[in-house]
Amino acid sequence: MASNWAAFTTAEPALAKTVEERFAAFSHHVVATLRKDGSPRTTGLEVRFLNGELWLGMMPGSLKALDLRRDPRFALQANPGPGTGMGGGDVRISGRAIEVEDAATKAAYVKEVEPPQPFHLFRTELTEVVRTYVEDDTYLVVEIWKPGEPVRTLKRT
């Protein structure tokens, strides 16, 4: 089962707000895709939350775009920032990236983001959102959301 960003925001507004804030704190993040041979590839990426979707824009012919065309599975990690503070925690999103070819959709994205042209644009379908943070300098807290399920919270000492 997968869900778009709007469905996640509706289901878990507080967690969605925290996730968006973590991604907004820095411009560049890390995405993992799968190479032809199935091994992982990690590369830098900018993301946008617009119109109820999480968008991934990429340079034309980039290896990560070619990876996603072949196998749409991805994992996206928010930039943790400098030092060890990790304000808001560590945030990861997994799912599938679906390339958008529709001219009107791409034009609306261009109007908002003004990316260098040409570019690949992918809309995401989420399969998991995870936030990990430290509470009271004592507990490692892991919040896990999957479509159709409430957030599951695990605490470890």
N, C-alpha and C. Protein backbone atom coordinates (compact mmCIF):
# COMPACT_ATOMS: atom_id res chain seq x y z
N MET A 1 0.85 -1.17 0.00
CA MET A 1 0.00 0.00 0.00
C MET A 1 0.90 1.25 0.00
N ALA A 2 0.50 2.28 -0.72
CA ALA A 2 1.25 3.53 -0.79
C ALA A 2 0.28 4.70 -0.67
N SER A 3 0.83 5.86 -0.39
CA SER A 3 0.04 7.03 -0.11
C SER A 3 0.79 8.26 -0.60
N ASN A 4 0.09 9.31 -1.01
CA ASN A 4 0.81 10.52 -1.37
C ASN A 4 1.00 11.39 -0.13
N TRP A 5 1.67 12.52 -0.29
CA TRP A 5 1.98 13.38 0.84
C TRP A 5 0.71 13.91 1.50
N ALA A 6 -0.29 14.28 0.71
CA ALA A 6 -1.53 14.81 1.27
C ALA A 6 -2.22 13.79 2.18
N ALA A 7 -2.22 12.54 1.78
CA ALA A 7 -2.85 11.49 2.59
C ALA A 7 -2.09 11.31 3.90
N PHE A 8 -0.76 11.37 3.84
CA PHE A 8 0.05 11.27 5.06
C PHE A 8 -0.22 12.46 5.98
N THR A 9 -0.27 13.66 5.41
CA THR A 9 -0.53 14.87 6.19
C THR A 9 -1.89 14.81 6.87
N THR A 10 -2.88 14.28 6.17
CA THR A 10 -4.21 14.14 6.75
C THR A 10 -4.21 13.10 7.87
N ALA A 11 -3.52 12.00 7.65
CA ALA A 11 -3.49 10.91 8.64
C ALA A 11 -2.69 11.28 9.88
N GLU A 12 -1.56 11.95 9.70
CA GLU A 12 -0.64 12.24 10.81
C GLU A 12 -0.10 13.67 10.70
N PRO A 13 -0.94 14.67 10.95
CA PRO A 13 -0.52 16.06 10.73
C PRO A 13 0.69 16.50 11.56
N ALA A 14 0.80 16.09 12.80
CA ALA A 14 1.92 16.52 13.64
C ALA A 14 3.24 15.95 13.11
N LEU A 15 3.27 14.67 12.79
CA LEU A 15 4.49 14.07 12.26
C LEU A 15 4.83 14.67 10.90
N ALA A 16 3.83 14.88 10.06
CA ALA A 16 4.07 15.47 8.74
C ALA A 16 4.68 16.86 8.87
N LYS A 17 4.20 17.65 9.81
CA LYS A 17 4.75 18.99 10.03
C LYS A 17 6.22 18.91 10.44
N THR A 18 6.53 18.00 11.34
CA THR A 18 7.93 17.82 11.78
C THR A 18 8.81 17.39 10.61
N VAL A 19 8.33 16.47 9.80
CA VAL A 19 9.09 16.00 8.65
C VAL A 19 9.35 17.14 7.67
N GLU A 20 8.32 17.91 7.35
CA GLU A 20 8.49 19.04 6.43
C GLU A 20 9.49 20.05 6.99
N GLU A 21 9.42 20.32 8.29
CA GLU A 21 10.35 21.26 8.91
C GLU A 21 11.79 20.76 8.82
N ARG A 22 11.99 19.45 9.01
CA ARG A 22 13.34 18.89 8.91
C ARG A 22 13.87 19.04 7.49
N PHE A 23 13.04 18.79 6.50
CA PHE A 23 13.49 18.93 5.11
C PHE A 23 13.68 20.40 4.74
N ALA A 24 12.89 21.30 5.32
CA ALA A 24 13.00 22.72 5.01
C ALA A 24 14.25 23.35 5.63
N ALA A 25 14.81 22.73 6.66
CA ALA A 25 15.95 23.29 7.37
C ALA A 25 17.20 23.39 6.48
N PHE A 26 17.32 22.52 5.47
CA PHE A 26 18.46 22.51 4.57
C PHE A 26 17.98 22.23 3.16
N SER A 27 18.74 22.69 2.18
CA SER A 27 18.33 22.51 0.78
C SER A 27 18.63 21.12 0.24
N HIS A 28 19.76 20.56 0.62
CA HIS A 28 20.22 19.32 0.01
C HIS A 28 20.07 18.14 0.96
N HIS A 29 19.56 17.04 0.40
CA HIS A 29 19.29 15.83 1.17
C HIS A 29 19.91 14.65 0.42
N VAL A 30 19.72 13.44 0.91
CA VAL A 30 20.31 12.26 0.28
C VAL A 30 19.20 11.30 -0.13
N VAL A 31 19.25 10.87 -1.38
CA VAL A 31 18.31 9.88 -1.87
C VAL A 31 19.08 8.61 -2.24
N ALA A 32 18.48 7.48 -1.92
CA ALA A 32 19.04 6.19 -2.31
C ALA A 32 18.14 5.60 -3.38
N THR A 33 18.76 5.14 -4.46
CA THR A 33 18.05 4.46 -5.55
C THR A 33 18.76 3.13 -5.77
N LEU A 34 18.24 2.35 -6.71
CA LEU A 34 18.84 1.04 -7.01
C LEU A 34 19.45 1.05 -8.41
N ARG A 35 20.71 0.67 -8.49
CA ARG A 35 21.41 0.57 -9.77
C ARG A 35 20.88 -0.63 -10.56
N LYS A 36 21.34 -0.73 -11.81
CA LYS A 36 20.93 -1.86 -12.67
C LYS A 36 21.20 -3.20 -12.01
N ASP A 37 22.34 -3.31 -11.30
CA ASP A 37 22.71 -4.59 -10.69
C ASP A 37 22.06 -4.80 -9.32
N GLY A 38 21.21 -3.84 -8.89
CA GLY A 38 20.50 -3.98 -7.62
C GLY A 38 21.22 -3.39 -6.43
N SER A 39 22.45 -2.94 -6.63
CA SER A 39 23.18 -2.33 -5.51
C SER A 39 22.68 -0.90 -5.29
N PRO A 40 22.86 -0.37 -4.08
CA PRO A 40 22.35 0.97 -3.80
C PRO A 40 23.23 2.06 -4.37
N ARG A 41 22.57 3.18 -4.71
CA ARG A 41 23.28 4.40 -5.13
C ARG A 41 22.73 5.53 -4.25
N THR A 42 23.59 6.29 -3.61
CA THR A 42 23.15 7.46 -2.85
C THR A 42 23.69 8.71 -3.52
N THR A 43 22.82 9.72 -3.63
CA THR A 43 23.20 10.98 -4.25
C THR A 43 22.45 12.12 -3.58
N GLY A 44 22.94 13.33 -3.81
CA GLY A 44 22.29 14.51 -3.28
C GLY A 44 21.04 14.86 -4.08
N LEU A 45 20.14 15.58 -3.42
CA LEU A 45 18.86 15.90 -4.06
C LEU A 45 18.17 17.02 -3.30
N GLU A 46 17.45 17.86 -4.03
CA GLU A 46 16.54 18.82 -3.42
C GLU A 46 15.13 18.28 -3.57
N VAL A 47 14.29 18.54 -2.58
CA VAL A 47 12.90 18.06 -2.62
C VAL A 47 11.96 19.25 -2.43
N ARG A 48 10.71 19.08 -2.85
CA ARG A 48 9.69 20.11 -2.65
C ARG A 48 8.39 19.46 -2.19
N PHE A 49 7.73 20.10 -1.25
CA PHE A 49 6.39 19.72 -0.82
C PHE A 49 5.45 20.77 -1.41
N LEU A 50 4.70 20.39 -2.44
CA LEU A 50 3.80 21.33 -3.11
C LEU A 50 2.50 20.63 -3.47
N ASN A 51 1.39 21.31 -3.27
CA ASN A 51 0.09 20.83 -3.71
C ASN A 51 -0.21 19.40 -3.29
N GLY A 52 0.12 19.08 -2.05
CA GLY A 52 -0.19 17.77 -1.51
C GLY A 52 0.70 16.64 -1.99
N GLU A 53 1.82 16.98 -2.61
CA GLU A 53 2.75 15.97 -3.11
C GLU A 53 4.17 16.26 -2.62
N LEU A 54 4.95 15.21 -2.52
CA LEU A 54 6.40 15.32 -2.31
C LEU A 54 7.02 15.09 -3.68
N TRP A 55 7.72 16.11 -4.20
CA TRP A 55 8.30 16.08 -5.54
C TRP A 55 9.81 15.91 -5.49
N LEU A 56 10.34 15.15 -6.42
CA LEU A 56 11.77 14.99 -6.61
C LEU A 56 12.10 15.48 -8.01
N GLY A 57 12.90 16.53 -8.11
CA GLY A 57 13.32 17.05 -9.41
C GLY A 57 14.77 16.69 -9.64
N MET A 58 15.11 16.35 -10.90
CA MET A 58 16.47 15.90 -11.20
C MET A 58 16.94 16.41 -12.57
N MET A 59 18.25 16.53 -12.69
CA MET A 59 18.83 16.94 -13.96
C MET A 59 18.56 15.89 -15.03
N PRO A 60 18.46 16.30 -16.29
CA PRO A 60 18.18 15.34 -17.35
C PRO A 60 19.29 14.30 -17.47
N GLY A 61 18.88 13.04 -17.58
CA GLY A 61 19.83 11.96 -17.76
C GLY A 61 20.63 11.61 -16.52
N SER A 62 20.29 12.17 -15.35
CA SER A 62 21.05 11.84 -14.15
C SER A 62 20.88 10.36 -13.82
N LEU A 63 21.90 9.78 -13.23
CA LEU A 63 21.86 8.35 -12.93
C LEU A 63 20.71 8.02 -11.97
N LYS A 64 20.44 8.89 -11.00
CA LYS A 64 19.33 8.61 -10.08
C LYS A 64 17.99 8.62 -10.81
N ALA A 65 17.83 9.51 -11.79
CA ALA A 65 16.58 9.52 -12.58
C ALA A 65 16.46 8.24 -13.41
N LEU A 66 17.56 7.83 -14.00
CA LEU A 66 17.54 6.59 -14.79
C LEU A 66 17.27 5.39 -13.89
N ASP A 67 17.86 5.40 -12.68
CA ASP A 67 17.57 4.33 -11.71
C ASP A 67 16.08 4.27 -11.41
N LEU A 68 15.47 5.43 -11.14
CA LEU A 68 14.05 5.46 -10.77
C LEU A 68 13.13 5.08 -11.93
N ARG A 69 13.54 5.38 -13.15
CA ARG A 69 12.75 4.94 -14.31
C ARG A 69 12.72 3.42 -14.38
N ARG A 70 13.83 2.79 -14.03
CA ARG A 70 13.97 1.34 -14.10
C ARG A 70 13.32 0.66 -12.90
N ASP A 71 13.53 1.23 -11.71
CA ASP A 71 12.99 0.67 -10.47
C ASP A 71 12.61 1.86 -9.59
N PRO A 72 11.33 2.11 -9.38
CA PRO A 72 10.90 3.35 -8.73
C PRO A 72 11.14 3.42 -7.22
N ARG A 73 11.66 2.37 -6.62
CA ARG A 73 11.85 2.40 -5.16
C ARG A 73 12.97 3.36 -4.77
N PHE A 74 12.72 4.12 -3.68
CA PHE A 74 13.71 5.06 -3.19
C PHE A 74 13.63 5.15 -1.67
N ALA A 75 14.70 5.66 -1.08
CA ALA A 75 14.72 6.05 0.33
C ALA A 75 15.34 7.44 0.36
N LEU A 76 14.74 8.33 1.11
CA LEU A 76 15.16 9.72 1.16
C LEU A 76 15.46 10.08 2.61
N GLN A 77 16.61 10.67 2.85
CA GLN A 77 16.99 11.05 4.20
C GLN A 77 17.22 12.55 4.26
N ALA A 78 16.60 13.20 5.26
CA ALA A 78 16.79 14.64 5.46
C ALA A 78 18.22 14.90 5.90
N ASN A 79 18.77 15.99 5.42
CA ASN A 79 20.10 16.43 5.81
C ASN A 79 20.11 16.63 7.32
N PRO A 80 21.01 15.96 8.05
CA PRO A 80 21.02 16.09 9.50
C PRO A 80 21.57 17.42 9.99
N GLY A 81 22.26 18.17 9.11
CA GLY A 81 22.81 19.45 9.50
C GLY A 81 24.15 19.30 10.20
N PRO A 82 24.71 20.41 10.62
CA PRO A 82 26.03 20.38 11.24
C PRO A 82 25.99 19.82 12.66
N GLY A 83 27.11 19.32 13.10
CA GLY A 83 27.23 18.85 14.48
C GLY A 83 26.37 17.64 14.77
N THR A 84 26.04 17.49 16.04
CA THR A 84 25.29 16.32 16.47
C THR A 84 23.91 16.67 17.02
N GLY A 85 23.49 17.93 16.88
CA GLY A 85 22.23 18.38 17.45
C GLY A 85 20.99 17.73 16.84
N MET A 86 20.97 17.58 15.55
CA MET A 86 19.85 16.95 14.82
C MET A 86 18.50 17.48 15.29
N GLY A 87 18.36 18.81 15.37
CA GLY A 87 17.10 19.41 15.79
C GLY A 87 15.93 18.82 15.03
N GLY A 88 14.94 18.31 15.74
CA GLY A 88 13.79 17.69 15.10
C GLY A 88 13.98 16.22 14.82
N GLY A 89 15.20 15.72 15.00
CA GLY A 89 15.46 14.30 14.81
C GLY A 89 15.90 13.94 13.41
N ASP A 90 16.14 12.67 13.22
CA ASP A 90 16.53 12.09 11.94
C ASP A 90 15.24 11.68 11.23
N VAL A 91 15.09 12.07 9.97
CA VAL A 91 13.85 11.80 9.24
C VAL A 91 14.16 11.08 7.93
N ARG A 92 13.42 10.01 7.68
CA ARG A 92 13.57 9.22 6.45
C ARG A 92 12.20 8.94 5.83
N ILE A 93 12.16 8.95 4.52
CA ILE A 93 10.94 8.63 3.77
C ILE A 93 11.29 7.57 2.74
N SER A 94 10.48 6.53 2.67
CA SER A 94 10.65 5.49 1.64
C SER A 94 9.40 5.43 0.79
N GLY A 95 9.58 4.97 -0.44
CA GLY A 95 8.42 4.84 -1.31
C GLY A 95 8.81 4.55 -2.73
N ARG A 96 7.92 4.97 -3.63
CA ARG A 96 8.13 4.81 -5.07
C ARG A 96 8.03 6.19 -5.72
N ALA A 97 8.89 6.43 -6.71
CA ALA A 97 8.88 7.69 -7.43
C ALA A 97 8.33 7.44 -8.84
N ILE A 98 7.29 8.18 -9.17
CA ILE A 98 6.62 8.02 -10.46
C ILE A 98 6.93 9.24 -11.33
N GLU A 99 7.56 9.02 -12.49
CA GLU A 99 7.93 10.16 -13.34
C GLU A 99 6.68 10.82 -13.90
N VAL A 100 6.69 12.14 -13.90
CA VAL A 100 5.58 12.94 -14.39
C VAL A 100 5.94 13.44 -15.79
N GLU A 101 5.11 13.10 -16.75
CA GLU A 101 5.30 13.55 -18.13
C GLU A 101 4.27 14.59 -18.52
N ASP A 102 3.20 14.71 -17.75
CA ASP A 102 2.10 15.62 -18.05
C ASP A 102 2.60 17.07 -18.11
N ALA A 103 2.40 17.72 -19.25
CA ALA A 103 2.92 19.07 -19.47
C ALA A 103 2.33 20.08 -18.49
N ALA A 104 1.05 19.99 -18.20
CA ALA A 104 0.41 20.94 -17.29
C ALA A 104 0.96 20.80 -15.87
N THR A 105 1.17 19.57 -15.43
CA THR A 105 1.72 19.34 -14.09
C THR A 105 3.14 19.86 -14.00
N LYS A 106 3.94 19.59 -15.04
CA LYS A 106 5.32 20.08 -15.03
C LYS A 106 5.35 21.60 -15.09
N ALA A 107 4.45 22.21 -15.86
CA ALA A 107 4.39 23.67 -15.97
C ALA A 107 4.05 24.30 -14.62
N ALA A 108 3.13 23.69 -13.89
CA ALA A 108 2.77 24.21 -12.56
C ALA A 108 3.96 24.11 -11.61
N TYR A 109 4.72 23.02 -11.71
CA TYR A 109 5.92 22.85 -10.89
C TYR A 109 6.96 23.92 -11.25
N VAL A 110 7.16 24.13 -12.53
CA VAL A 110 8.13 25.14 -13.00
C VAL A 110 7.75 26.53 -12.49
N LYS A 111 6.46 26.83 -12.51
CA LYS A 111 6.00 28.14 -12.05
C LYS A 111 6.34 28.36 -10.58
N GLU A 112 6.22 27.32 -9.78
CA GLU A 112 6.50 27.42 -8.34
C GLU A 112 7.99 27.36 -8.01
N VAL A 113 8.72 26.47 -8.66
CA VAL A 113 10.09 26.15 -8.26
C VAL A 113 11.16 26.81 -9.13
N GLU A 114 10.85 27.04 -10.40
CA GLU A 114 11.79 27.60 -11.36
C GLU A 114 13.08 26.78 -11.47
N PRO A 115 12.94 25.46 -11.74
CA PRO A 115 14.15 24.63 -11.85
C PRO A 115 14.87 24.88 -13.18
N PRO A 116 16.17 24.55 -13.24
CA PRO A 116 16.86 24.61 -14.53
C PRO A 116 16.18 23.64 -15.49
N GLN A 117 16.09 24.01 -16.75
CA GLN A 117 15.39 23.17 -17.73
C GLN A 117 16.40 22.58 -18.70
N PRO A 118 16.16 21.43 -19.26
CA PRO A 118 15.07 20.48 -18.96
C PRO A 118 15.36 19.75 -17.64
N PHE A 119 14.39 18.98 -17.19
CA PHE A 119 14.55 18.25 -15.93
C PHE A 119 13.58 17.07 -15.89
N HIS A 120 13.90 16.12 -15.01
CA HIS A 120 12.99 15.02 -14.71
C HIS A 120 12.20 15.42 -13.48
N LEU A 121 10.93 15.08 -13.44
CA LEU A 121 10.10 15.36 -12.27
C LEU A 121 9.42 14.06 -11.85
N PHE A 122 9.54 13.74 -10.57
CA PHE A 122 8.94 12.53 -10.02
C PHE A 122 8.00 12.91 -8.88
N ARG A 123 6.81 12.31 -8.90
CA ARG A 123 5.84 12.41 -7.80
C ARG A 123 6.06 11.18 -6.94
N THR A 124 5.92 11.29 -5.65
CA THR A 124 6.21 10.15 -4.79
C THR A 124 4.96 9.49 -4.22
N GLU A 125 5.06 8.22 -4.03
CA GLU A 125 4.06 7.42 -3.30
C GLU A 125 4.80 6.87 -2.09
N LEU A 126 4.34 7.24 -0.91
CA LEU A 126 5.04 6.88 0.33
C LEU A 126 4.66 5.48 0.80
N THR A 127 5.65 4.74 1.25
CA THR A 127 5.40 3.45 1.87
C THR A 127 5.81 3.44 3.34
N GLU A 128 6.64 4.44 3.74
CA GLU A 128 7.05 4.52 5.13
C GLU A 128 7.67 5.89 5.41
N VAL A 129 7.36 6.42 6.60
CA VAL A 129 8.01 7.63 7.10
C VAL A 129 8.51 7.30 8.50
N VAL A 130 9.79 7.62 8.77
CA VAL A 130 10.39 7.29 10.07
C VAL A 130 11.07 8.53 10.62
N ARG A 131 10.81 8.80 11.88
CA ARG A 131 11.51 9.87 12.61
C ARG A 131 12.17 9.24 13.83
N THR A 132 13.44 9.53 14.03
CA THR A 132 14.19 9.03 15.19
C THR A 132 14.76 10.24 15.92
N TYR A 133 14.58 10.27 17.24
CA TYR A 133 15.12 11.38 18.03
C TYR A 133 15.37 10.92 19.46
N VAL A 134 16.10 11.75 20.20
CA VAL A 134 16.41 11.45 21.59
C VAL A 134 15.49 12.28 22.47
N GLU A 135 14.90 11.63 23.46
CA GLU A 135 13.98 12.30 24.39
C GLU A 135 14.60 12.32 25.77
N ASP A 136 14.63 13.49 26.39
CA ASP A 136 15.13 13.67 27.75
C ASP A 136 16.55 13.11 27.96
N ASP A 137 17.36 13.14 26.93
CA ASP A 137 18.73 12.59 27.02
C ASP A 137 18.76 11.16 27.54
N THR A 138 17.63 10.45 27.42
CA THR A 138 17.52 9.11 27.98
C THR A 138 17.04 8.08 26.97
N TYR A 139 16.02 8.44 26.22
CA TYR A 139 15.37 7.49 25.33
C TYR A 139 15.66 7.78 23.86
N LEU A 140 15.88 6.74 23.11
CA LEU A 140 15.88 6.84 21.66
C LEU A 140 14.46 6.53 21.24
N VAL A 141 13.81 7.47 20.59
CA VAL A 141 12.42 7.31 20.19
C VAL A 141 12.36 7.16 18.68
N VAL A 142 11.64 6.15 18.22
CA VAL A 142 11.46 5.91 16.79
C VAL A 142 9.98 5.93 16.50
N GLU A 143 9.56 6.85 15.63
CA GLU A 143 8.17 6.92 15.18
C GLU A 143 8.12 6.38 13.76
N ILE A 144 7.24 5.41 13.52
CA ILE A 144 7.15 4.76 12.21
C ILE A 144 5.71 4.86 11.71
N TRP A 145 5.55 5.40 10.51
CA TRP A 145 4.22 5.47 9.89
C TRP A 145 4.24 4.70 8.57
N LYS A 146 3.19 3.93 8.37
CA LYS A 146 2.96 3.24 7.09
C LYS A 146 1.52 3.51 6.69
N PRO A 147 1.25 3.61 5.37
CA PRO A 147 -0.11 3.90 4.93
C PRO A 147 -1.13 2.93 5.52
N GLY A 148 -2.24 3.50 5.99
CA GLY A 148 -3.32 2.68 6.53
C GLY A 148 -3.11 2.26 7.98
N GLU A 149 -1.99 2.69 8.58
CA GLU A 149 -1.70 2.32 9.97
C GLU A 149 -1.44 3.58 10.78
N PRO A 150 -1.74 3.54 12.08
CA PRO A 150 -1.37 4.68 12.93
C PRO A 150 0.15 4.68 13.14
N VAL A 151 0.67 5.81 13.60
CA VAL A 151 2.09 5.89 13.92
C VAL A 151 2.38 4.91 15.06
N ARG A 152 3.45 4.16 14.88
CA ARG A 152 3.93 3.26 15.92
C ARG A 152 5.14 3.91 16.56
N THR A 153 5.16 4.00 17.88
CA THR A 153 6.28 4.64 18.58
C THR A 153 7.02 3.61 19.42
N LEU A 154 8.33 3.55 19.23
CA LEU A 154 9.19 2.64 20.00
C LEU A 154 10.14 3.50 20.82
N LYS A 155 10.34 3.13 22.08
CA LYS A 155 11.31 3.83 22.94
C LYS A 155 12.33 2.83 23.44
N ARG A 156 13.60 3.24 23.33
CA ARG A 156 14.70 2.40 23.81
C ARG A 156 15.57 3.21 24.74
N THR A 157 16.14 2.56 25.74
CA THR A 157 17.08 3.26 26.64
C THR A 157 18.50 2.98 26.23
